[in-house]
């Protein structure tokens, strides 16, 4: 019982890789988009922004994505 509770309580470390940038995003959230706009081995990192501000976008290496522990 305790072991099950510990597994459920751990945060999810894996980042989902999107194929396109969504139109709507919550402010200050971060997603990774693999739409081919960055060079090989890199993905687009998009950070949501509050109203009337632009999103922050940058190309980052695939190794920057958080992966699930093994």
PDB file of N, CA and C in Angstrom:
ATOM      1  N   UNK A   1       0.827  -1.188   0.000  1.00  0.00           N
ATOM      2  CA  UNK A   1       0.000   0.000   0.000  1.00  0.00           C
ATOM      3  C   UNK A   1       0.876   1.258   0.000  1.00  0.00           C
ATOM      4  N   UNK A   2       1.869   1.308   0.873  1.00  0.00           N
ATOM      5  CA  UNK A   2       2.743   2.475   0.959  1.00  0.00           C
ATOM      6  C   UNK A   2       3.553   2.641  -0.321  1.00  0.00           C
ATOM      7  N   UNK A   3       4.031   1.540  -0.874  1.00  0.00           N
ATOM      8  CA  UNK A   3       4.797   1.599  -2.113  1.00  0.00           C
ATOM      9  C   UNK A   3       3.950   2.153  -3.253  1.00  0.00           C
ATOM     10  N   UNK A   4       2.717   1.743  -3.335  1.00  0.00           N
ATOM     11  CA  UNK A   4       1.819   2.231  -4.373  1.00  0.00           C
ATOM     12  C   UNK A   4       1.609   3.737  -4.225  1.00  0.00           C
ATOM     13  N   UNK A   5       1.448   4.197  -3.010  1.00  0.00           N
ATOM     14  CA  UNK A   5       1.252   5.632  -2.768  1.00  0.00           C
ATOM     15  C   UNK A   5       2.488   6.426  -3.170  1.00  0.00           C
ATOM     16  N   UNK A   6       3.681   5.885  -2.959  1.00  0.00           N
ATOM     17  CA  UNK A   6       4.905   6.586  -3.335  1.00  0.00           C
ATOM     18  C   UNK A   6       5.043   6.708  -4.850  1.00  0.00           C
ATOM     19  N   UNK A   7       4.677   5.660  -5.575  1.00  0.00           N
ATOM     20  CA  UNK A   7       4.761   5.714  -7.033  1.00  0.00           C
ATOM     21  C   UNK A   7       3.765   6.715  -7.607  1.00  0.00           C
ATOM     22  N   UNK A   8       2.592   6.787  -7.037  1.00  0.00           N
ATOM     23  CA  UNK A   8       1.567   7.701  -7.524  1.00  0.00           C
ATOM     24  C   UNK A   8       1.938   9.143  -7.191  1.00  0.00           C
ATOM     25  N   UNK A   9       2.605   9.375  -6.071  1.00  0.00           N
ATOM     26  CA  UNK A   9       2.904  10.722  -5.604  1.00  0.00           C
ATOM     27  C   UNK A   9       4.084  11.364  -6.329  1.00  0.00           C
ATOM     28  N   UNK A  10       4.906  10.586  -7.053  1.00  0.00           N
ATOM     29  CA  UNK A  10       6.060  11.159  -7.721  1.00  0.00           C
ATOM     30  C   UNK A  10       5.618  11.983  -8.931  1.00  0.00           C
ATOM     31  N   UNK A  11       6.278  13.106  -9.183  1.00  0.00           N
ATOM     32  CA  UNK A  11       5.917  13.929 -10.335  1.00  0.00           C
ATOM     33  C   UNK A  11       6.321  13.259 -11.643  1.00  0.00           C
ATOM     34  N   UNK A  12       5.653  13.615 -12.710  1.00  0.00           N
ATOM     35  CA  UNK A  12       5.980  13.072 -14.023  1.00  0.00           C
ATOM     36  C   UNK A  12       7.175  13.842 -14.576  1.00  0.00           C
ATOM     37  N   UNK A  13       8.249  13.158 -14.901  1.00  0.00           N
ATOM     38  CA  UNK A  13       9.454  13.813 -15.386  1.00  0.00           C
ATOM     39  C   UNK A  13       9.509  13.900 -16.904  1.00  0.00           C
ATOM     40  N   UNK A  14       8.769  13.076 -17.598  1.00  0.00           N
ATOM     41  CA  UNK A  14       8.853  13.050 -19.054  1.00  0.00           C
ATOM     42  C   UNK A  14       8.135  14.245 -19.665  1.00  0.00           C
ATOM     43  N   UNK A  15       8.746  14.832 -20.678  1.00  0.00           N
ATOM     44  CA  UNK A  15       8.149  15.943 -21.395  1.00  0.00           C
ATOM     45  C   UNK A  15       7.538  15.419 -22.682  1.00  0.00           C
ATOM     46  N   UNK A  16       6.349  15.851 -22.993  1.00  0.00           N
ATOM     47  CA  UNK A  16       5.707  15.452 -24.238  1.00  0.00           C
ATOM     48  C   UNK A  16       6.224  16.329 -25.362  1.00  0.00           C
ATOM     49  N   UNK A  17       6.500  15.722 -26.493  1.00  0.00           N
ATOM     50  CA  UNK A  17       6.987  16.430 -27.656  1.00  0.00           C
ATOM     51  C   UNK A  17       5.820  16.636 -28.615  1.00  0.00           C
ATOM     52  N   UNK A  18       5.450  17.885 -28.869  1.00  0.00           N
ATOM     53  CA  UNK A  18       4.320  18.214 -29.732  1.00  0.00           C
ATOM     54  C   UNK A  18       4.787  18.332 -31.174  1.00  0.00           C
ATOM     55  N   UNK A  19       3.880  18.084 -32.112  1.00  0.00           N
ATOM     56  CA  UNK A  19       4.231  18.210 -33.525  1.00  0.00           C
ATOM     57  C   UNK A  19       3.886  19.595 -34.075  1.00  0.00           C
ATOM     58  N   UNK A  20       3.142  20.388 -33.317  1.00  0.00           N
ATOM     59  CA  UNK A  20       2.803  21.751 -33.728  1.00  0.00           C
ATOM     60  C   UNK A  20       2.619  22.611 -32.488  1.00  0.00           C
ATOM     61  N   UNK A  21       2.733  23.912 -32.661  1.00  0.00           N
ATOM     62  CA  UNK A  21       2.568  24.858 -31.553  1.00  0.00           C
ATOM     63  C   UNK A  21       1.084  25.156 -31.365  1.00  0.00           C
ATOM     64  N   UNK A  22       0.543  24.969 -30.169  1.00  0.00           N
ATOM     65  CA  UNK A  22      -0.884  25.227 -29.955  1.00  0.00           C
ATOM     66  C   UNK A  22      -1.201  26.720 -30.021  1.00  0.00           C
ATOM     67  N   UNK A  23      -2.434  27.032 -30.390  1.00  0.00           N
ATOM     68  CA  UNK A  23      -2.855  28.431 -30.447  1.00  0.00           C
ATOM     69  C   UNK A  23      -2.987  29.028 -29.052  1.00  0.00           C
ATOM     70  N   UNK A  24      -3.513  28.248 -28.121  1.00  0.00           N
ATOM     71  CA  UNK A  24      -3.728  28.719 -26.747  1.00  0.00           C
ATOM     72  C   UNK A  24      -2.776  27.984 -25.808  1.00  0.00           C
ATOM     73  N   UNK A  25      -2.148  28.744 -24.921  1.00  0.00           N
ATOM     74  CA  UNK A  25      -1.257  28.170 -23.901  1.00  0.00           C
ATOM     75  C   UNK A  25      -1.475  28.902 -22.591  1.00  0.00           C
ATOM     76  N   UNK A  26      -1.323  28.194 -21.500  1.00  0.00           N
ATOM     77  CA  UNK A  26      -1.371  28.837 -20.196  1.00  0.00           C
ATOM     78  C   UNK A  26      -0.106  29.673 -20.014  1.00  0.00           C
ATOM     79  N   UNK A  27      -0.216  30.807 -19.323  1.00  0.00           N
ATOM     80  CA  UNK A  27       0.978  31.622 -19.072  1.00  0.00           C
ATOM     81  C   UNK A  27       2.021  30.842 -18.271  1.00  0.00           C
ATOM     82  N   UNK A  28       3.270  31.029 -18.627  1.00  0.00           N
ATOM     83  CA  UNK A  28       4.430  30.475 -17.926  1.00  0.00           C
ATOM     84  C   UNK A  28       4.572  28.960 -18.040  1.00  0.00           C
ATOM     85  N   UNK A  29       3.811  28.309 -18.926  1.00  0.00           N
ATOM     86  CA  UNK A  29       4.023  26.889 -19.166  1.00  0.00           C
ATOM     87  C   UNK A  29       5.059  26.731 -20.278  1.00  0.00           C
ATOM     88  N   UNK A  30       5.718  25.587 -20.302  1.00  0.00           N
ATOM     89  CA  UNK A  30       6.738  25.310 -21.308  1.00  0.00           C
ATOM     90  C   UNK A  30       6.383  24.041 -22.048  1.00  0.00           C
ATOM     91  N   UNK A  31       6.443  24.103 -23.380  1.00  0.00           N
ATOM     92  CA  UNK A  31       6.242  22.911 -24.192  1.00  0.00           C
ATOM     93  C   UNK A  31       7.389  22.824 -25.199  1.00  0.00           C
ATOM     94  N   UNK A  32       7.584  21.632 -25.729  1.00  0.00           N
ATOM     95  CA  UNK A  32       8.606  21.404 -26.743  1.00  0.00           C
ATOM     96  C   UNK A  32       7.911  20.977 -28.023  1.00  0.00           C
ATOM     97  N   UNK A  33       8.297  21.621 -29.139  1.00  0.00           N
ATOM     98  CA  UNK A  33       7.644  21.389 -30.425  1.00  0.00           C
ATOM     99  C   UNK A  33       8.688  20.920 -31.437  1.00  0.00           C
ATOM    100  N   UNK A  34       8.398  19.810 -32.094  1.00  0.00           N
ATOM    101  CA  UNK A  34       9.271  19.299 -33.148  1.00  0.00           C
ATOM    102  C   UNK A  34       8.547  19.455 -34.480  1.00  0.00           C
ATOM    103  N   UNK A  35       8.585  20.684 -35.027  1.00  0.00           N
ATOM    104  CA  UNK A  35       7.885  20.967 -36.270  1.00  0.00           C
ATOM    105  C   UNK A  35       8.841  21.187 -37.441  1.00  0.00           C
ATOM    106  N   UNK A  36      10.115  20.943 -37.238  1.00  0.00           N
ATOM    107  CA  UNK A  36      11.102  21.094 -38.306  1.00  0.00           C
ATOM    108  C   UNK A  36      11.645  22.503 -38.457  1.00  0.00           C
ATOM    109  N   UNK A  37      11.271  23.427 -37.581  1.00  0.00           N
ATOM    110  CA  UNK A  37      11.740  24.806 -37.698  1.00  0.00           C
ATOM    111  C   UNK A  37      13.154  24.991 -37.146  1.00  0.00           C
ATOM    112  N   UNK A  38      13.647  24.033 -36.377  1.00  0.00           N
ATOM    113  CA  UNK A  38      15.005  24.105 -35.829  1.00  0.00           C
ATOM    114  C   UNK A  38      15.906  23.125 -36.584  1.00  0.00           C
ATOM    115  N   UNK A  39      17.204  23.281 -36.417  1.00  0.00           N
ATOM    116  CA  UNK A  39      18.150  22.406 -37.106  1.00  0.00           C
ATOM    117  C   UNK A  39      18.095  20.984 -36.531  1.00  0.00           C
ATOM    118  N   UNK A  40      18.786  20.078 -37.180  1.00  0.00           N
ATOM    119  CA  UNK A  40      18.770  18.662 -36.782  1.00  0.00           C
ATOM    120  C   UNK A  40      19.263  18.492 -35.344  1.00  0.00           C
ATOM    121  N   UNK A  41      18.567  17.665 -34.590  1.00  0.00           N
ATOM    122  CA  UNK A  41      18.946  17.399 -33.207  1.00  0.00           C
ATOM    123  C   UNK A  41      18.436  18.432 -32.219  1.00  0.00           C
ATOM    124  N   UNK A  42      17.655  19.398 -32.694  1.00  0.00           N
ATOM    125  CA  UNK A  42      17.116  20.437 -31.809  1.00  0.00           C
ATOM    126  C   UNK A  42      15.612  20.504 -31.944  1.00  0.00           C
ATOM    127  N   UNK A  43      14.956  21.003 -30.882  1.00  0.00           N
ATOM    128  CA  UNK A  43      13.512  21.204 -30.882  1.00  0.00           C
ATOM    129  C   UNK A  43      13.220  22.631 -30.434  1.00  0.00           C
ATOM    130  N   UNK A  44      12.036  23.094 -30.739  1.00  0.00           N
ATOM    131  CA  UNK A  44      11.615  24.443 -30.371  1.00  0.00           C
ATOM    132  C   UNK A  44      11.037  24.428 -28.961  1.00  0.00           C
ATOM    133  N   UNK A  45      11.606  25.238 -28.089  1.00  0.00           N
ATOM    134  CA  UNK A  45      11.105  25.380 -26.719  1.00  0.00           C
ATOM    135  C   UNK A  45      10.228  26.633 -26.702  1.00  0.00           C
ATOM    136  N   UNK A  46       8.945  26.458 -26.320  1.00  0.00           N
ATOM    137  CA  UNK A  46       7.995  27.568 -26.313  1.00  0.00           C
ATOM    138  C   UNK A  46       7.507  27.784 -24.893  1.00  0.00           C
ATOM    139  N   UNK A  47       7.635  29.010 -24.398  1.00  0.00           N
ATOM    140  CA  UNK A  47       7.173  29.357 -23.056  1.00  0.00           C
ATOM    141  C   UNK A  47       6.000  30.317 -23.183  1.00  0.00           C
ATOM    142  N   UNK A  48       4.883  29.952 -22.547  1.00  0.00           N
ATOM    143  CA  UNK A  48       3.693  30.789 -22.575  1.00  0.00           C
ATOM    144  C   UNK A  48       3.915  32.115 -21.863  1.00  0.00           C
ATOM    145  N   UNK A  49       3.145  33.127 -22.258  1.00  0.00           N
ATOM    146  CA  UNK A  49       3.287  34.461 -21.681  1.00  0.00           C
ATOM    147  C   UNK A  49       1.911  35.007 -21.314  1.00  0.00           C
ATOM    148  N   UNK A  50       1.870  35.951 -20.362  1.00  0.00           N
ATOM    149  CA  UNK A  50       0.593  36.590 -20.022  1.00  0.00           C
ATOM    150  C   UNK A  50       0.045  37.373 -21.211  1.00  0.00           C
ATOM    151  N   UNK A  51      -1.169  37.863 -21.072  1.00  0.00           N
ATOM    152  CA  UNK A  51      -1.837  38.604 -22.148  1.00  0.00           C
ATOM    153  C   UNK A  51      -0.975  39.755 -22.669  1.00  0.00           C
ATOM    154  N   UNK A  52      -1.124  39.999 -23.964  1.00  0.00           N
ATOM    155  CA  UNK A  52      -0.458  41.116 -24.645  1.00  0.00           C
ATOM    156  C   UNK A  52       1.070  41.043 -24.605  1.00  0.00           C
ATOM    157  N   UNK A  53       1.613  39.864 -24.385  1.00  0.00           N
ATOM    158  CA  UNK A  53       3.061  39.681 -24.441  1.00  0.00           C
ATOM    159  C   UNK A  53       3.360  38.518 -25.372  1.00  0.00           C
ATOM    160  N   UNK A  54       4.512  38.540 -25.980  1.00  0.00           N
ATOM    161  CA  UNK A  54       4.897  37.484 -26.907  1.00  0.00           C
ATOM    162  C   UNK A  54       5.448  36.273 -26.160  1.00  0.00           C
ATOM    163  N   UNK A  55       5.253  35.118 -26.754  1.00  0.00           N
ATOM    164  CA  UNK A  55       5.826  33.894 -26.213  1.00  0.00           C
ATOM    165  C   UNK A  55       7.326  33.899 -26.441  1.00  0.00           C
ATOM    166  N   UNK A  56       8.062  33.264 -25.529  1.00  0.00           N
ATOM    167  CA  UNK A  56       9.503  33.116 -25.706  1.00  0.00           C
ATOM    168  C   UNK A  56       9.749  31.812 -26.449  1.00  0.00           C
ATOM    169  N   UNK A  57      10.507  31.889 -27.533  1.00  0.00           N
ATOM    170  CA  UNK A  57      10.793  30.713 -28.346  1.00  0.00           C
ATOM    171  C   UNK A  57      12.293  30.611 -28.554  1.00  0.00           C
ATOM    172  N   UNK A  58      12.820  29.397 -28.444  1.00  0.00           N
ATOM    173  CA  UNK A  58      14.232  29.173 -28.713  1.00  0.00           C
ATOM    174  C   UNK A  58      14.447  27.713 -29.092  1.00  0.00           C
ATOM    175  N   UNK A  59      15.473  27.477 -29.890  1.00  0.00           N
ATOM    176  CA  UNK A  59      15.834  26.112 -30.274  1.00  0.00           C
ATOM    177  C   UNK A  59      16.801  25.563 -29.226  1.00  0.00           C
ATOM    178  N   UNK A  60      16.488  24.396 -28.711  1.00  0.00           N
ATOM    179  CA  UNK A  60      17.324  23.765 -27.690  1.00  0.00           C
ATOM    180  C   UNK A  60      17.651  22.338 -28.135  1.00  0.00           C
ATOM    181  N   UNK A  61      18.787  21.796 -27.679  1.00  0.00           N
ATOM    182  CA  UNK A  61      19.130  20.415 -28.023  1.00  0.00           C
ATOM    183  C   UNK A  61      18.114  19.435 -27.434  1.00  0.00           C
ATOM    184  N   UNK A  62      17.930  18.313 -28.113  1.00  0.00           N
ATOM    185  CA  UNK A  62      17.009  17.280 -27.634  1.00  0.00           C
ATOM    186  C   UNK A  62      17.409  16.796 -26.241  1.00  0.00           C
ATOM    187  N   UNK A  63      18.693  16.889 -25.905  1.00  0.00           N
ATOM    188  CA  UNK A  63      19.156  16.420 -24.598  1.00  0.00           C
ATOM    189  C   UNK A  63      18.628  17.281 -23.454  1.00  0.00           C
ATOM    190  N   UNK A  64      18.120  18.486 -23.756  1.00  0.00           N
ATOM    191  CA  UNK A  64      17.552  19.352 -22.712  1.00  0.00           C
ATOM    192  C   UNK A  64      16.187  18.892 -22.234  1.00  0.00           C
ATOM    193  N   UNK A  65      15.536  18.029 -23.006  1.00  0.00           N
ATOM    194  CA  UNK A  65      14.237  17.506 -22.594  1.00  0.00           C
ATOM    195  C   UNK A  65      14.433  16.613 -21.387  1.00  0.00           C
ATOM    196  N   UNK A  66      13.560  16.750 -20.420  1.00  0.00           N
ATOM    197  CA  UNK A  66      13.610  15.888 -19.247  1.00  0.00           C
ATOM    198  C   UNK A  66      13.089  14.527 -19.634  1.00  0.00           C
ATOM    199  N   UNK A  67      13.808  13.488 -19.251  1.00  0.00           N
ATOM    200  CA  UNK A  67      13.372  12.129 -19.559  1.00  0.00           C
ATOM    201  C   UNK A  67      13.002  11.402 -18.300  1.00  0.00           C
ATOM    202  N   UNK A  68      12.173  10.402 -18.436  1.00  0.00           N
ATOM    203  CA  UNK A  68      11.730   9.626 -17.291  1.00  0.00           C
ATOM    204  C   UNK A  68      12.900   8.805 -16.741  1.00  0.00           C
ATOM    205  N   UNK A  69      13.064   8.744 -15.412  1.00  0.00           N
ATOM    206  CA  UNK A  69      14.135   7.950 -14.829  1.00  0.00           C
ATOM    207  C   UNK A  69      13.895   6.463 -15.080  1.00  0.00           C
ATOM    208  N   UNK A  70      14.987   5.723 -15.248  1.00  0.00           N
ATOM    209  CA  UNK A  70      14.855   4.286 -15.515  1.00  0.00           C
ATOM    210  C   UNK A  70      15.123   3.469 -14.296  1.00  0.00           C
TER     211      UNK A  70
END
